[in-house]
């Protein structure tokens, strides 16, 4: 793994659904951030050499039995610290303040009154502003040395700060867009209170990663699994910038691709980058391994492990083709992103939501050392890096597509027949949304085949018993949270008509209107 050289702001996760969003907002302030669990000892936090610590919200009451607490030792380290919601209350309690129920809970949009307009975190913002609250307890008295700088009807201490010790906190959620000046408050803490310079940019990421990749790889040969998606394309471009022709990209046609994807990679990507590309047709191997498998986790793991085996075979061929006798391909490039790591239970102490093929599905006897230049990045940061590297806009802005491909968009067993049905329906959806100019407003649009479900329909004056297709359009910033996209009815109508007319095995098209959470973006 290649690690950023920027010292991190640590976001301590107390179980809040928005811990990842806090980390993302810190990045928007051009400051590098990492998420760590609330169970991490202070000594381990300090070992990461943080420039600041942010305590996230959480569902507990600070005085409830078993509730996560803040070690008071954190506040003696000299590291600037900012508390949010539960983190604010835990901070107050650890430092001797009083936290108790107010009898007036506040959930949702709330009016905040700033009592000190010259405060470090509120200066330049309105005296009265709308914020997003979610609390039943409140801080009733601030710890010694702290100045109360904002209040609400239900929170007698809605914000406080101790400039001398570079400590501050707020009861509301500055990371959500409903808090009108929340990003400004967060940036005041980062830039003014903590004194952090805003230097985390796509240019700095490229410089850091190129240097780190060269140090890790040296003059050894490198192989990269290129899927045609944004992540692997940008990862490959970064590594190519660092090691040049020592990189060979391998595109595996696993038979789970969307219509036209192999041709696009073989022509467009090579033309744009000049990277050496080797195409491997392994569709038979993958389909044999997936035969009869219905469990989505098992699908992901089978595909991830087989990818590695295919790469091992390809690596031997790369050496032979290069004539580099005695040399071996020692490194494998992966487009792993930060949300992949978080959702796979890595780095935060959170539960495993699902195994990502390049995180949870790798075999124990992996023969390569991994190079993961994007492991610390969110998707929009990856796009910015890709644009900075000069990749074509169409490639950089491509909708996310899962590594396991259409296999995890078939609910049920995978077969050539079912893949053909889904491939045609997916192509129709992509054509219609592109023609309507919707690509830039949709984060992702999975098209799902409910292979083991059939419904009665009428086509050509006759009874049919066909499959449903599910449309899952979502809007998001970083895939950690998402809302369903409100597509125009006329576009939905055209999609439905075309699919049911042109894909004879389908007689019903339905729309998934679930947000994330509680649902995930992909169905499997």
Protein backbone atom coordinates (compact mmCIF):
# COMPACT_ATOMS: atom_id res chain seq x y z
CA UNK A 1 0.00 0.00 0.00
CA UNK A 2 1.21 3.50 -0.80
CA UNK A 3 0.41 5.94 1.99
CA UNK A 4 -0.02 9.74 1.71
CA UNK A 5 2.78 11.75 3.27
CA UNK A 6 0.35 14.39 4.53
CA UNK A 7 -0.21 14.14 8.26
CA UNK A 8 -3.85 13.19 8.83
CA UNK A 9 -6.81 14.67 10.60
CA UNK A 10 -8.20 11.66 12.45
CA UNK A 11 -11.99 11.33 12.44
CA UNK A 12 -12.87 9.20 15.48
CA UNK A 13 -15.93 7.10 14.64
CA UNK A 14 -18.42 6.74 17.52
CA UNK A 15 -20.88 4.84 15.34
CA UNK A 16 -22.35 7.81 13.51
CA UNK A 17 -23.77 7.29 10.04
CA UNK A 18 -21.95 10.45 8.99
CA UNK A 19 -18.37 9.66 10.09
CA UNK A 20 -17.39 9.10 6.45
CA UNK A 21 -19.08 12.33 5.45
CA UNK A 22 -17.06 14.24 8.05
CA UNK A 23 -13.88 12.78 6.57
CA UNK A 24 -15.08 13.83 3.12
CA UNK A 25 -15.82 17.40 4.24
CA UNK A 26 -12.32 17.65 5.69
CA UNK A 27 -10.96 16.62 2.29
CA UNK A 28 -13.09 19.35 0.69
CA UNK A 29 -11.19 21.79 2.86
CA UNK A 30 -8.05 20.44 1.14
CA UNK A 31 -6.88 18.65 4.27
CA UNK A 32 -6.11 14.92 4.39
CA UNK A 33 -8.28 12.83 6.74
CA UNK A 34 -8.55 9.23 7.97
CA UNK A 35 -11.26 7.45 9.97
CA UNK A 36 -10.32 5.51 13.10
CA UNK A 37 -12.50 3.61 15.61
CA UNK A 38 -13.38 5.10 19.00
CA UNK A 39 -11.73 2.03 20.58
CA UNK A 40 -8.30 3.07 19.31
CA UNK A 41 -6.04 3.99 22.28
CA UNK A 42 -4.67 7.53 22.38
CA UNK A 43 -1.11 6.19 21.98
CA UNK A 44 -2.06 4.57 18.67
CA UNK A 45 -3.70 7.77 17.48
CA UNK A 46 -0.55 9.70 18.32
CA UNK A 47 1.51 7.13 16.42
CA UNK A 48 -0.28 8.32 13.27
CA UNK A 49 1.13 11.82 13.94
CA UNK A 50 -2.24 13.61 13.48
CA UNK A 51 -2.48 17.33 12.86
CA UNK A 52 -5.91 17.32 14.49
CA UNK A 53 -8.64 15.03 15.80
CA UNK A 54 -12.39 15.25 15.12
CA UNK A 55 -14.78 13.33 17.39
CA UNK A 56 -17.82 12.21 15.38
CA UNK A 57 -21.44 11.92 16.38
CA UNK A 58 -22.96 8.68 17.60
CA UNK A 59 -26.22 7.08 18.74
CA UNK A 60 -25.39 6.66 22.45
CA UNK A 61 -25.92 8.79 25.57
CA UNK A 62 -22.59 9.65 27.19
CA UNK A 63 -23.80 8.57 30.63
CA UNK A 64 -25.38 5.28 29.45
CA UNK A 65 -23.75 2.04 30.55
CA UNK A 66 -21.25 0.85 27.97
CA UNK A 67 -21.34 4.07 25.97
CA UNK A 68 -18.05 4.87 24.20
CA UNK A 69 -16.02 7.51 25.99
CA UNK A 70 -13.14 9.82 25.19
CA UNK A 71 -9.90 9.24 27.06
CA UNK A 72 -9.16 12.56 28.84
CA UNK A 73 -5.50 11.95 27.97
CA UNK A 74 -6.32 13.00 24.41
CA UNK A 75 -6.76 16.60 25.56
CA UNK A 76 -3.32 16.74 27.17
CA UNK A 77 -1.45 15.87 23.98
CA UNK A 78 -1.58 19.32 22.42
CA UNK A 79 -3.36 17.94 19.33
CA UNK A 80 -6.19 20.30 18.26
CA UNK A 81 -9.53 18.54 18.77
CA UNK A 82 -13.05 19.26 17.55
CA UNK A 83 -16.19 17.54 18.89
CA UNK A 84 -19.38 17.03 16.87
CA UNK A 85 -22.74 16.05 18.44
CA UNK A 86 -21.99 12.96 20.58
CA UNK A 87 -18.27 13.72 20.25
CA UNK A 88 -19.00 17.22 21.58
CA UNK A 89 -20.85 15.81 24.59
CA UNK A 90 -18.19 13.15 25.25
CA UNK A 91 -15.54 15.85 25.07
CA UNK A 92 -17.43 18.04 27.55
CA UNK A 93 -17.95 15.13 29.98
CA UNK A 94 -14.28 14.05 29.80
CA UNK A 95 -13.14 17.58 30.64
CA UNK A 96 -15.51 18.11 33.59
CA UNK A 97 -18.51 19.72 31.91
CA UNK A 98 -22.11 18.67 32.59
CA UNK A 99 -24.17 16.66 30.12
CA UNK A 100 -27.79 15.74 30.83
CA UNK A 101 -31.21 15.45 29.27
CA UNK A 102 -32.84 18.77 28.55
CA UNK A 103 -36.44 17.69 28.20
CA UNK A 104 -36.35 19.35 24.77
CA UNK A 105 -34.82 17.11 22.14
CA UNK A 106 -33.79 18.64 18.83
CA UNK A 107 -33.92 16.66 15.60
CA UNK A 108 -33.59 18.18 12.17
CA UNK A 109 -33.44 21.83 11.20
CA UNK A 110 -32.84 24.10 14.21
CA UNK A 111 -32.11 27.81 14.66
CA UNK A 112 -28.70 28.48 16.21
CA UNK A 113 -27.84 31.77 17.92
CA UNK A 114 -24.17 32.72 17.87
CA UNK A 115 -23.35 34.51 21.14
CA UNK A 116 -19.79 35.44 20.18
CA UNK A 117 -19.62 36.55 16.53
CA UNK A 118 -15.82 36.94 16.83
CA UNK A 119 -15.31 33.36 17.95
CA UNK A 120 -12.69 31.29 16.17
CA UNK A 121 -15.20 28.89 14.61
CA UNK A 122 -18.09 31.27 13.86
CA UNK A 123 -16.42 34.48 12.74
CA UNK A 124 -17.78 35.70 9.41
CA UNK A 125 -21.02 33.73 9.75
CA UNK A 126 -24.49 35.11 10.64
CA UNK A 127 -25.54 35.66 14.27
CA UNK A 128 -28.57 33.45 13.57
CA UNK A 129 -28.22 30.45 11.30
CA UNK A 130 -29.98 27.19 10.50
CA UNK A 131 -28.19 24.00 11.58
CA UNK A 132 -28.99 20.28 11.62
CA UNK A 133 -29.45 18.77 15.06
CA UNK A 134 -29.91 15.19 16.26
CA UNK A 135 -29.76 14.96 20.06
CA UNK A 136 -31.78 14.19 23.16
CA UNK A 137 -29.03 15.13 25.62
CA UNK A 138 -27.24 18.46 25.83
CA UNK A 139 -24.23 20.09 27.43
CA UNK A 140 -25.53 22.21 30.33
CA UNK A 141 -22.25 23.68 31.50
CA UNK A 142 -19.00 23.97 29.60
CA UNK A 143 -15.74 22.62 31.05
CA UNK A 144 -13.41 25.04 32.81
CA UNK A 145 -11.49 27.23 30.39
CA UNK A 146 -14.10 26.99 27.61
CA UNK A 147 -16.16 29.88 26.30
CA UNK A 148 -19.76 29.24 25.19
CA UNK A 149 -20.12 30.71 21.70
CA UNK A 150 -23.56 29.50 20.55
CA UNK A 151 -26.91 28.32 21.98
CA UNK A 152 -30.27 26.94 20.83
CA UNK A 153 -33.60 26.53 22.61
CA UNK A 154 -32.75 22.93 23.48
CA UNK A 155 -28.98 23.28 23.96
CA UNK A 156 -27.79 25.84 26.52
CA UNK A 157 -24.26 25.09 25.30
CA UNK A 158 -24.52 24.51 21.53
CA UNK A 159 -20.87 25.31 20.84
CA UNK A 160 -17.77 26.08 22.87
CA UNK A 161 -14.08 26.69 22.34
CA UNK A 162 -10.83 27.01 24.25
CA UNK A 163 -8.48 28.88 21.96
CA UNK A 164 -5.46 28.48 24.22
CA UNK A 165 -5.64 24.68 24.05
CA UNK A 166 -6.99 24.67 20.46
CA UNK A 167 -10.11 22.76 21.48
CA UNK A 168 -13.64 23.38 20.18
CA UNK A 169 -16.92 21.63 19.53
CA UNK A 170 -20.49 22.00 18.31
CA UNK A 171 -23.73 20.19 19.17
CA UNK A 172 -24.97 20.28 15.55
CA UNK A 173 -23.74 18.44 12.45
CA UNK A 174 -21.62 20.84 10.36
CA UNK A 175 -20.86 18.08 7.85
CA UNK A 176 -24.40 17.90 6.43
CA UNK A 177 -25.62 20.36 3.81
CA UNK A 178 -28.65 21.29 5.96
CA UNK A 179 -26.26 23.19 8.27
CA UNK A 180 -26.06 26.32 6.16
CA UNK A 181 -22.60 27.43 7.27
CA UNK A 182 -21.34 24.06 8.50
CA UNK A 183 -18.48 23.74 6.04
CA UNK A 184 -17.29 27.23 6.95
CA UNK A 185 -17.35 26.32 10.67
CA UNK A 186 -15.40 23.14 9.98
CA UNK A 187 -12.84 25.01 7.88
CA UNK A 188 -12.43 27.64 10.63
CA UNK A 189 -11.45 24.85 12.99
CA UNK A 190 -9.07 23.22 10.51
CA UNK A 191 -7.40 26.33 9.16
CA UNK A 192 -7.69 28.85 11.99
CA UNK A 193 -7.84 26.87 15.23
CA UNK A 194 -5.65 23.92 14.21
CA UNK A 195 -3.50 25.98 11.85
CA UNK A 196 -3.52 23.36 9.05
CA UNK A 197 -2.46 24.51 5.60
CA UNK A 198 -4.89 23.53 2.79
CA UNK A 199 -2.42 21.57 0.65
CA UNK A 200 -4.31 18.31 -0.06
CA UNK A 201 -4.92 18.66 -3.82
CA UNK A 202 -4.97 16.40 -6.87
CA UNK A 203 -1.54 17.75 -7.81
CA UNK A 204 -0.13 16.89 -4.40
CA UNK A 205 -1.69 13.41 -4.55
CA UNK A 206 -0.01 12.75 -7.91
CA UNK A 207 3.38 13.96 -6.67
CA UNK A 208 3.14 11.89 -3.48
CA UNK A 209 1.98 8.73 -5.19
CA UNK A 210 4.49 8.84 -8.05
CA UNK A 211 7.31 9.21 -5.51
CA UNK A 212 5.87 6.47 -3.30
CA UNK A 213 5.30 4.06 -6.20
CA UNK A 214 8.87 4.51 -7.44
CA UNK A 215 10.18 3.86 -3.94
CA UNK A 216 8.04 0.72 -3.60
CA UNK A 217 8.51 -0.75 -7.08
CA UNK A 218 11.98 0.35 -8.15
CA UNK A 219 12.81 -1.17 -11.55
CA UNK A 220 10.65 -4.28 -11.10
CA UNK A 221 7.87 -5.30 -13.48
CA UNK A 222 4.30 -4.36 -12.59
CA UNK A 223 0.97 -5.76 -13.74
CA UNK A 224 -2.39 -3.98 -13.45
CA UNK A 225 -5.86 -5.41 -13.75
CA UNK A 226 -7.63 -2.93 -16.02
CA UNK A 227 -11.42 -3.12 -15.92
CA UNK A 228 -12.23 -0.08 -18.04
CA UNK A 229 -13.67 1.71 -15.01
CA UNK A 230 -12.48 4.99 -13.53
CA UNK A 231 -10.61 3.48 -10.59
CA UNK A 232 -8.36 1.05 -12.44
CA UNK A 233 -7.85 3.53 -15.29
CA UNK A 234 -6.59 6.26 -12.95
CA UNK A 235 -4.53 3.81 -10.88
CA UNK A 236 -2.85 2.52 -14.03
CA UNK A 237 -2.17 6.04 -15.30
CA UNK A 238 -0.55 6.97 -11.98
CA UNK A 239 1.66 3.89 -11.96
CA UNK A 240 2.56 4.41 -15.63
CA UNK A 241 3.67 7.94 -14.79
CA UNK A 242 5.93 6.46 -12.11
CA UNK A 243 7.40 3.38 -13.84
CA UNK A 244 6.69 3.80 -17.55
CA UNK A 245 6.98 0.68 -19.71
CA UNK A 246 7.63 -1.54 -16.69
CA UNK A 247 3.84 -1.57 -16.39
CA UNK A 248 1.66 -3.93 -18.38
CA UNK A 249 -2.11 -3.68 -18.04
CA UNK A 250 -4.12 -6.87 -18.27
CA UNK A 251 -7.74 -6.60 -19.28
CA UNK A 252 -9.65 -9.72 -18.29
CA UNK A 253 -12.79 -10.43 -20.26
CA UNK A 254 -14.54 -12.46 -17.59
CA UNK A 255 -17.75 -12.70 -19.58
CA UNK A 256 -19.49 -10.42 -17.08
CA UNK A 257 -18.97 -7.17 -18.98
CA UNK A 258 -21.53 -4.77 -20.34
CA UNK A 259 -22.13 -4.43 -24.06
CA UNK A 260 -19.16 -2.93 -25.94
CA UNK A 261 -16.86 -2.60 -22.93
CA UNK A 262 -14.05 -4.81 -24.18
CA UNK A 263 -13.87 -2.94 -27.48
CA UNK A 264 -13.83 0.41 -25.66
CA UNK A 265 -10.88 -0.57 -23.48
CA UNK A 266 -8.92 -2.07 -26.37
CA UNK A 267 -9.21 1.09 -28.43
CA UNK A 268 -9.96 4.21 -26.38
CA UNK A 269 -7.78 3.62 -23.31
CA UNK A 270 -4.70 2.50 -25.21
CA UNK A 271 -5.02 5.47 -27.55
CA UNK A 272 -5.33 7.89 -24.62
CA UNK A 273 -2.44 6.57 -22.50
CA UNK A 274 -0.07 4.56 -24.64
CA UNK A 275 0.02 1.89 -21.94
CA UNK A 276 0.91 -1.65 -22.99
CA UNK A 277 -2.28 -3.77 -22.86
CA UNK A 278 -2.72 -7.52 -22.79
CA UNK A 279 -6.27 -8.88 -23.26
CA UNK A 280 -7.16 -12.23 -21.70
CA UNK A 281 -10.42 -14.00 -22.57
CA UNK A 282 -11.24 -15.97 -19.41
CA UNK A 283 -15.03 -15.98 -19.72
CA UNK A 284 -15.28 -19.77 -19.74
CA UNK A 285 -13.21 -20.08 -16.54
CA UNK A 286 -15.35 -17.54 -14.68
CA UNK A 287 -18.70 -18.90 -15.82
CA UNK A 288 -17.71 -22.45 -14.86
CA UNK A 289 -16.71 -21.30 -11.36
CA UNK A 290 -19.94 -19.30 -10.95
CA UNK A 291 -22.21 -22.06 -12.20
CA UNK A 292 -25.08 -22.49 -9.74
CA UNK A 293 -23.75 -19.91 -7.24
CA UNK A 294 -26.47 -17.60 -5.90
CA UNK A 295 -24.97 -16.10 -2.73
CA UNK A 296 -23.64 -12.59 -3.53
CA UNK A 297 -20.71 -12.78 -1.09
CA UNK A 298 -19.62 -16.08 -2.60
CA UNK A 299 -19.88 -14.60 -6.10
CA UNK A 300 -17.62 -11.71 -5.11
CA UNK A 301 -15.04 -13.97 -3.51
CA UNK A 302 -14.99 -16.43 -6.41
CA UNK A 303 -14.48 -13.60 -8.89
CA UNK A 304 -11.80 -11.89 -6.78
CA UNK A 305 -9.79 -15.08 -6.30
CA UNK A 306 -10.05 -16.15 -9.92
CA UNK A 307 -8.93 -12.70 -11.04
CA UNK A 308 -5.72 -13.24 -9.12
CA UNK A 309 -5.18 -16.65 -10.70
CA UNK A 310 -5.72 -15.19 -14.15
CA UNK A 311 -3.23 -12.43 -13.34
CA UNK A 312 -0.67 -15.01 -12.24
CA UNK A 313 -0.99 -16.78 -15.57
CA UNK A 314 -0.82 -13.46 -17.43
CA UNK A 315 2.25 -12.38 -15.45
CA UNK A 316 4.17 -15.43 -16.63
CA UNK A 317 3.21 -14.60 -20.21
CA UNK A 318 4.24 -10.96 -19.75
CA UNK A 319 7.71 -12.07 -18.68
CA UNK A 320 8.03 -14.40 -21.65
CA UNK A 321 6.79 -11.79 -24.12
CA UNK A 322 9.16 -9.18 -22.72
CA UNK A 323 12.07 -11.57 -22.99
CA UNK A 324 13.00 -10.70 -19.42
CA UNK A 325 14.38 -14.11 -18.49
CA UNK A 326 14.93 -14.51 -14.78
CA UNK A 327 12.68 -11.59 -13.96
CA UNK A 328 9.27 -11.88 -12.34
CA UNK A 329 6.26 -9.66 -12.07
CA UNK A 330 6.28 -8.83 -8.36
CA UNK A 331 3.62 -6.14 -8.11
CA UNK A 332 -0.10 -5.96 -8.78
CA UNK A 333 -1.85 -2.59 -9.16
CA UNK A 334 -5.41 -2.33 -7.82
CA UNK A 335 -7.88 0.56 -7.96
CA UNK A 336 -8.96 0.12 -4.33
CA UNK A 337 -10.73 3.23 -2.95
CA UNK A 338 -11.30 4.41 0.61
CA UNK A 339 -15.04 3.52 0.59
CA UNK A 340 -14.07 -0.03 -0.48
CA UNK A 341 -11.86 -0.32 2.59
CA UNK A 342 -14.46 1.18 4.95
CA UNK A 343 -17.35 -0.98 3.68
CA UNK A 344 -15.20 -4.10 3.93
CA UNK A 345 -14.67 -3.40 7.62
CA UNK A 346 -11.13 -2.07 7.27
CA UNK A 347 -9.66 0.78 9.22
CA UNK A 348 -12.64 1.85 11.30
CA UNK A 349 -13.61 -1.06 13.47
CA UNK A 350 -17.02 -1.11 11.78
CA UNK A 351 -18.95 -4.13 10.57
CA UNK A 352 -18.29 -5.68 7.18
CA UNK A 353 -21.13 -4.40 5.00
CA UNK A 354 -19.96 -6.38 1.98
CA UNK A 355 -16.69 -7.78 0.69
CA UNK A 356 -15.28 -5.78 -2.20
CA UNK A 357 -13.59 -8.06 -4.73
CA UNK A 358 -10.24 -6.31 -4.27
CA UNK A 359 -10.43 -6.10 -0.45
CA UNK A 360 -12.26 -9.09 0.98
CA UNK A 361 -11.90 -11.53 -1.89
CA UNK A 362 -8.14 -11.94 -2.23
CA UNK A 363 -6.57 -15.37 -1.66
CA UNK A 364 -4.22 -15.95 1.29
CA UNK A 365 -1.43 -17.17 -0.99
CA UNK A 366 -1.35 -14.05 -3.14
CA UNK A 367 1.88 -14.07 -5.17
CA UNK A 368 2.02 -10.32 -5.74
CA UNK A 369 2.75 -7.33 -3.55
CA UNK A 370 -0.08 -4.82 -3.94
CA UNK A 371 0.28 -1.29 -5.24
CA UNK A 372 -2.86 0.68 -4.33
CA UNK A 373 -2.29 4.35 -5.14
CA UNK A 374 -5.97 5.30 -4.69
CA UNK A 375 -6.61 3.50 -1.39
CA UNK A 376 -6.88 6.77 0.54
CA UNK A 377 -9.18 8.52 -1.95
CA UNK A 378 -12.89 9.02 -2.43
CA UNK A 379 -14.36 8.68 -5.93
CA UNK A 380 -14.57 12.38 -6.77
CA UNK A 381 -10.92 12.78 -5.71
CA UNK A 382 -10.02 9.95 -8.09
CA UNK A 383 -11.83 11.75 -10.90
CA UNK A 384 -9.88 14.94 -10.14
CA UNK A 385 -6.59 13.03 -10.23
CA UNK A 386 -7.58 11.41 -13.54
CA UNK A 387 -8.39 14.79 -15.07
CA UNK A 388 -5.08 16.18 -13.82
CA UNK A 389 -3.30 13.24 -15.47
CA UNK A 390 -4.96 14.10 -18.78
CA UNK A 391 -7.34 11.16 -19.14
CA UNK A 392 -10.32 11.79 -21.47
CA UNK A 393 -13.37 13.32 -19.81
CA UNK A 394 -15.62 10.44 -20.92
CA UNK A 395 -13.33 8.01 -19.14
CA UNK A 396 -12.92 10.07 -15.97
CA UNK A 397 -16.65 10.72 -15.61
CA UNK A 398 -17.72 7.16 -16.39
CA UNK A 399 -20.33 5.83 -13.95
CA UNK A 400 -18.91 3.42 -11.36
CA UNK A 401 -19.14 -0.22 -12.38
CA UNK A 402 -18.39 -3.05 -9.95
CA UNK A 403 -15.35 -5.25 -10.50
CA UNK A 404 -17.46 -8.43 -10.35
CA UNK A 405 -19.46 -6.99 -13.24
CA UNK A 406 -22.94 -8.12 -14.15
CA UNK A 407 -22.60 -11.17 -11.89
CA UNK A 408 -23.71 -9.10 -8.90
CA UNK A 409 -26.49 -7.45 -10.88
CA UNK A 410 -28.14 -10.81 -11.44
CA UNK A 411 -30.07 -11.79 -8.33
CA UNK A 412 -29.73 -15.54 -8.65
CA UNK A 413 -27.37 -17.87 -10.47
CA UNK A 414 -25.29 -16.53 -13.38
CA UNK A 415 -25.61 -18.03 -16.87
CA UNK A 416 -24.85 -16.95 -20.42
CA UNK A 417 -28.56 -16.60 -21.14
CA UNK A 418 -29.21 -14.41 -18.11
CA UNK A 419 -26.14 -12.30 -18.86
CA UNK A 420 -27.39 -11.74 -22.41
CA UNK A 421 -30.78 -10.54 -21.11
CA UNK A 422 -29.21 -8.12 -18.64
CA UNK A 423 -26.59 -6.92 -21.13
CA UNK A 424 -29.27 -5.85 -23.63
CA UNK A 425 -31.44 -4.16 -21.00
CA UNK A 426 -28.43 -2.32 -19.57
CA UNK A 427 -27.40 -1.09 -23.02
CA UNK A 428 -30.89 0.35 -23.59
CA UNK A 429 -30.79 2.18 -20.23
CA UNK A 430 -27.37 3.66 -20.97
CA UNK A 431 -28.42 4.77 -24.44
CA UNK A 432 -31.58 6.50 -23.22
CA UNK A 433 -30.01 8.30 -20.22
CA UNK A 434 -27.12 9.49 -22.39
CA UNK A 435 -29.51 10.75 -25.07
CA UNK A 436 -31.46 12.63 -22.39
CA UNK A 437 -28.27 14.31 -21.11
CA UNK A 438 -28.60 12.73 -17.65
CA UNK A 439 -25.18 11.12 -17.29
CA UNK A 440 -23.65 13.99 -15.32
CA UNK A 441 -26.56 14.16 -12.85
CA UNK A 442 -26.54 10.43 -12.03
CA UNK A 443 -23.79 8.93 -9.90
CA UNK A 444 -24.57 5.36 -10.89
CA UNK A 445 -27.38 3.44 -12.54
CA UNK A 446 -27.25 -0.30 -11.82
CA UNK A 447 -29.66 -2.33 -13.92
CA UNK A 448 -30.64 -5.48 -12.03
CA UNK A 449 -32.12 -8.74 -13.31
CA UNK A 450 -34.29 -10.63 -10.83
CA UNK A 451 -33.40 -13.94 -12.41
CA UNK A 452 -35.27 -16.17 -9.98
CA UNK A 453 -38.43 -14.05 -10.08
CA UNK A 454 -41.05 -14.20 -12.80
CA UNK A 455 -44.27 -12.27 -13.20
CA UNK A 456 -47.29 -12.59 -15.44
CA UNK A 457 -47.56 -10.17 -18.31
CA UNK A 458 -49.29 -9.64 -21.64
CA UNK A 459 -47.27 -9.25 -24.83
CA UNK A 460 -48.73 -9.59 -28.31
CA UNK A 461 -52.18 -10.48 -26.94
CA UNK A 462 -50.68 -13.49 -25.21
CA UNK A 463 -49.82 -14.37 -21.62
CA UNK A 464 -46.14 -14.16 -20.70
CA UNK A 465 -44.19 -15.24 -17.68
CA UNK A 466 -41.10 -13.06 -17.81
CA UNK A 467 -38.38 -11.56 -15.66
CA UNK A 468 -38.51 -8.14 -13.94
CA UNK A 469 -35.72 -5.62 -14.51
CA UNK A 470 -34.95 -3.16 -11.70
CA UNK A 471 -33.59 0.33 -12.37
CA UNK A 472 -31.45 1.73 -9.53
CA UNK A 473 -30.49 5.34 -10.40
CA UNK A 474 -28.69 7.07 -7.52
CA UNK A 475 -27.12 10.42 -6.76
CA UNK A 476 -24.13 10.62 -4.43
CA UNK A 477 -20.88 12.43 -3.71
CA UNK A 478 -18.69 9.55 -2.64
CA UNK A 479 -20.83 6.38 -2.51
CA UNK A 480 -20.84 6.36 1.29
CA UNK A 481 -24.39 7.72 1.25
CA UNK A 482 -26.77 8.01 -1.71
CA UNK A 483 -30.28 9.05 -2.67
CA UNK A 484 -32.33 7.75 -5.58
CA UNK A 485 -32.26 9.97 -8.64
CA UNK A 486 -35.56 11.47 -9.79
CA UNK A 487 -35.41 10.60 -13.49
CA UNK A 488 -37.95 12.33 -15.77
CA UNK A 489 -41.07 10.26 -16.32
CA UNK A 490 -40.75 10.44 -20.10
CA UNK A 491 -37.23 8.95 -19.92
CA UNK A 492 -38.46 6.17 -17.63
CA UNK A 493 -41.32 5.51 -20.02
CA UNK A 494 -39.00 5.21 -23.03
CA UNK A 495 -36.69 2.88 -21.11
CA UNK A 496 -39.56 0.65 -20.02
CA UNK A 497 -41.10 0.53 -23.50
CA UNK A 498 -37.83 -0.28 -25.22
CA UNK A 499 -36.79 -2.99 -22.74
CA UNK A 500 -40.12 -4.79 -22.81
CA UNK A 501 -40.29 -4.50 -26.62
CA UNK A 502 -36.67 -5.38 -27.43
CA UNK A 503 -35.77 -7.85 -24.67
CA UNK A 504 -38.45 -10.48 -25.03
CA UNK A 505 -37.59 -12.30 -21.79
CA UNK A 506 -38.49 -9.18 -19.76
CA UNK A 507 -42.10 -8.14 -19.22
CA UNK A 508 -41.81 -5.74 -16.29
CA UNK A 509 -39.54 -2.76 -15.41
CA UNK A 510 -39.52 -1.43 -11.84
CA UNK A 511 -37.79 1.48 -10.09
CA UNK A 512 -35.82 1.21 -6.82
CA UNK A 513 -36.43 4.35 -4.71
CA UNK A 514 -34.42 3.35 -1.62
CA UNK A 515 -31.71 5.62 -0.21
CA UNK A 516 -28.34 4.48 1.19
CA UNK A 517 -28.64 3.81 4.07
CA UNK A 518 -30.66 1.63 4.54
CA UNK A 519 -30.00 0.05 1.14
CA UNK A 520 -26.68 -0.29 -0.65
CA UNK A 521 -26.21 1.01 -4.19
CA UNK A 522 -25.76 -2.44 -5.71
CA UNK A 523 -28.38 -5.08 -4.92
CA UNK A 524 -25.80 -7.77 -4.24
